[in-house]
N, C-alpha and C. Protein backbone atom coordinates (compact mmCIF):
# COMPACT_ATOMS: atom_id res chain seq x y z
N UNK A 1 0.82 -1.20 0.00
CA UNK A 1 0.00 0.00 0.00
C UNK A 1 0.86 1.26 0.00
N UNK A 2 1.94 1.26 0.80
CA UNK A 2 2.79 2.43 0.89
C UNK A 2 3.45 2.78 -0.45
N UNK A 3 3.97 1.82 -1.23
CA UNK A 3 4.53 2.18 -2.54
C UNK A 3 3.49 2.82 -3.47
N UNK A 4 2.25 2.38 -3.38
CA UNK A 4 1.20 2.98 -4.21
C UNK A 4 0.95 4.43 -3.83
N UNK A 5 0.93 4.70 -2.55
CA UNK A 5 0.73 6.08 -2.08
C UNK A 5 1.89 6.96 -2.51
N UNK A 6 3.12 6.44 -2.39
CA UNK A 6 4.29 7.22 -2.82
C UNK A 6 4.24 7.47 -4.33
N UNK A 7 3.82 6.46 -5.10
CA UNK A 7 3.73 6.62 -6.55
C UNK A 7 2.70 7.68 -6.91
N UNK A 8 1.53 7.61 -6.32
CA UNK A 8 0.48 8.59 -6.62
C UNK A 8 0.90 10.01 -6.20
N UNK A 9 1.59 10.12 -5.09
CA UNK A 9 2.10 11.43 -4.68
C UNK A 9 3.12 11.96 -5.65
N UNK A 10 3.98 11.09 -6.15
CA UNK A 10 4.98 11.48 -7.13
C UNK A 10 4.32 11.94 -8.43
N UNK A 11 3.33 11.19 -8.88
CA UNK A 11 2.61 11.56 -10.10
C UNK A 11 1.92 12.91 -9.92
N UNK A 12 1.29 13.11 -8.78
CA UNK A 12 0.57 14.35 -8.50
C UNK A 12 1.51 15.55 -8.52
N UNK A 13 2.62 15.47 -7.80
CA UNK A 13 3.57 16.58 -7.73
C UNK A 13 4.20 16.85 -9.09
N UNK A 14 4.60 15.78 -9.78
CA UNK A 14 5.23 15.92 -11.08
C UNK A 14 4.28 16.53 -12.10
N UNK A 15 3.03 16.08 -12.09
CA UNK A 15 2.04 16.58 -13.04
C UNK A 15 1.84 18.09 -12.88
N UNK A 16 1.64 18.54 -11.66
CA UNK A 16 1.40 19.96 -11.44
C UNK A 16 2.65 20.80 -11.68
N UNK A 17 3.82 20.24 -11.45
CA UNK A 17 5.05 20.98 -11.76
C UNK A 17 5.18 21.16 -13.28
N UNK A 18 4.86 20.12 -14.03
CA UNK A 18 4.93 20.23 -15.50
C UNK A 18 3.87 21.17 -16.05
N UNK A 19 2.67 21.12 -15.50
CA UNK A 19 1.61 22.06 -15.93
C UNK A 19 2.03 23.49 -15.60
N UNK A 20 2.61 23.69 -14.44
CA UNK A 20 3.10 25.03 -14.07
C UNK A 20 4.22 25.49 -14.98
N UNK A 21 5.05 24.56 -15.43
CA UNK A 21 6.16 24.93 -16.31
C UNK A 21 5.66 25.42 -17.68
N UNK A 22 4.49 24.96 -18.08
CA UNK A 22 3.95 25.39 -19.37
C UNK A 22 3.70 26.90 -19.42
N UNK A 23 3.24 27.46 -18.31
CA UNK A 23 2.91 28.88 -18.29
C UNK A 23 3.95 29.75 -17.62
N UNK A 24 5.03 29.15 -17.16
CA UNK A 24 6.03 29.93 -16.43
C UNK A 24 6.97 30.66 -17.38
N UNK A 25 7.43 31.81 -16.93
CA UNK A 25 8.40 32.57 -17.71
C UNK A 25 9.75 31.84 -17.71
N UNK A 26 10.10 31.27 -16.57
CA UNK A 26 11.33 30.48 -16.46
C UNK A 26 10.93 29.08 -15.97
N UNK A 27 10.76 28.12 -16.88
CA UNK A 27 10.25 26.81 -16.49
C UNK A 27 11.31 25.87 -15.88
N UNK A 28 12.57 26.25 -15.92
CA UNK A 28 13.63 25.35 -15.46
C UNK A 28 13.46 24.88 -14.01
N UNK A 29 13.14 25.76 -13.05
CA UNK A 29 12.95 25.25 -11.68
C UNK A 29 11.81 24.23 -11.56
N UNK A 30 10.75 24.43 -12.32
CA UNK A 30 9.64 23.49 -12.25
C UNK A 30 9.99 22.17 -12.93
N UNK A 31 10.77 22.22 -14.00
CA UNK A 31 11.25 20.98 -14.60
C UNK A 31 12.15 20.23 -13.61
N UNK A 32 12.96 20.99 -12.89
CA UNK A 32 13.85 20.37 -11.89
C UNK A 32 13.03 19.68 -10.79
N UNK A 33 11.95 20.31 -10.37
CA UNK A 33 11.08 19.70 -9.36
C UNK A 33 10.43 18.43 -9.90
N UNK A 34 9.93 18.52 -11.13
CA UNK A 34 9.24 17.37 -11.72
C UNK A 34 10.19 16.18 -11.89
N UNK A 35 11.38 16.41 -12.39
CA UNK A 35 12.34 15.32 -12.57
C UNK A 35 12.94 14.89 -11.23
N UNK A 36 13.17 15.84 -10.36
CA UNK A 36 13.75 15.52 -9.06
C UNK A 36 12.87 14.61 -8.22
N UNK A 37 11.56 14.83 -8.27
CA UNK A 37 10.66 13.99 -7.48
C UNK A 37 10.67 12.56 -7.98
N UNK A 38 10.81 12.37 -9.30
CA UNK A 38 10.91 11.01 -9.85
C UNK A 38 12.22 10.36 -9.45
N UNK A 39 13.29 11.12 -9.43
CA UNK A 39 14.60 10.57 -9.02
C UNK A 39 14.54 10.14 -7.56
N UNK A 40 13.95 10.97 -6.71
CA UNK A 40 13.82 10.61 -5.29
C UNK A 40 12.97 9.36 -5.13
N UNK A 41 11.89 9.26 -5.90
CA UNK A 41 11.02 8.08 -5.83
C UNK A 41 11.78 6.81 -6.22
N UNK A 42 12.53 6.87 -7.31
CA UNK A 42 13.28 5.70 -7.78
C UNK A 42 14.36 5.32 -6.77
N UNK A 43 15.05 6.29 -6.23
CA UNK A 43 16.08 6.00 -5.22
C UNK A 43 15.46 5.36 -3.99
N UNK A 44 14.28 5.84 -3.59
CA UNK A 44 13.63 5.25 -2.41
C UNK A 44 13.24 3.80 -2.65
N UNK A 45 12.82 3.48 -3.87
CA UNK A 45 12.48 2.08 -4.18
C UNK A 45 13.73 1.21 -4.21
N UNK A 46 14.80 1.72 -4.79
CA UNK A 46 16.03 0.94 -4.89
C UNK A 46 16.65 0.68 -3.52
N UNK A 47 16.58 1.66 -2.62
CA UNK A 47 17.19 1.47 -1.31
C UNK A 47 16.46 0.40 -0.51
N UNK A 48 15.12 0.33 -0.64
CA UNK A 48 14.37 -0.72 0.06
C UNK A 48 14.72 -2.09 -0.51
N UNK A 49 14.86 -2.18 -1.82
CA UNK A 49 15.20 -3.45 -2.45
C UNK A 49 16.61 -3.89 -2.03
N UNK A 50 17.50 -2.93 -1.96
CA UNK A 50 18.88 -3.23 -1.56
C UNK A 50 18.91 -3.75 -0.12
N UNK A 51 18.12 -3.13 0.75
CA UNK A 51 18.07 -3.57 2.15
C UNK A 51 17.52 -4.99 2.25
N UNK A 52 16.52 -5.32 1.44
CA UNK A 52 15.97 -6.68 1.45
C UNK A 52 17.01 -7.68 1.00
N UNK A 53 17.80 -7.30 -0.02
CA UNK A 53 18.84 -8.20 -0.51
C UNK A 53 19.92 -8.41 0.55
N UNK A 54 20.26 -7.37 1.28
CA UNK A 54 21.28 -7.48 2.33
C UNK A 54 20.77 -8.38 3.45
N UNK A 55 19.51 -8.17 3.85
CA UNK A 55 18.94 -8.99 4.93
C UNK A 55 18.85 -10.45 4.49
N UNK A 56 18.45 -10.70 3.25
CA UNK A 56 18.34 -12.07 2.75
C UNK A 56 19.71 -12.73 2.67
N UNK A 57 20.74 -11.97 2.35
CA UNK A 57 22.09 -12.53 2.23
C UNK A 57 22.65 -12.92 3.60
N UNK A 58 22.24 -12.23 4.64
CA UNK A 58 22.73 -12.54 5.99
C UNK A 58 22.14 -13.84 6.52
N UNK A 59 20.95 -14.19 6.05
CA UNK A 59 20.27 -15.40 6.55
C UNK A 59 20.88 -16.63 6.02
């Protein structure tokens, strides 16, 4: 359930940042927010997977 909530939050933030970039005079900061939130989301998924692999290797 938690990964779904994080995904929907990421989609929501990214969507509105991209929509805001369409009308902005300087869209670069909003593009940075939109891409940055996806990078944070992917890193958070990878770190959990890595921790599971480490725990499984110890057993």
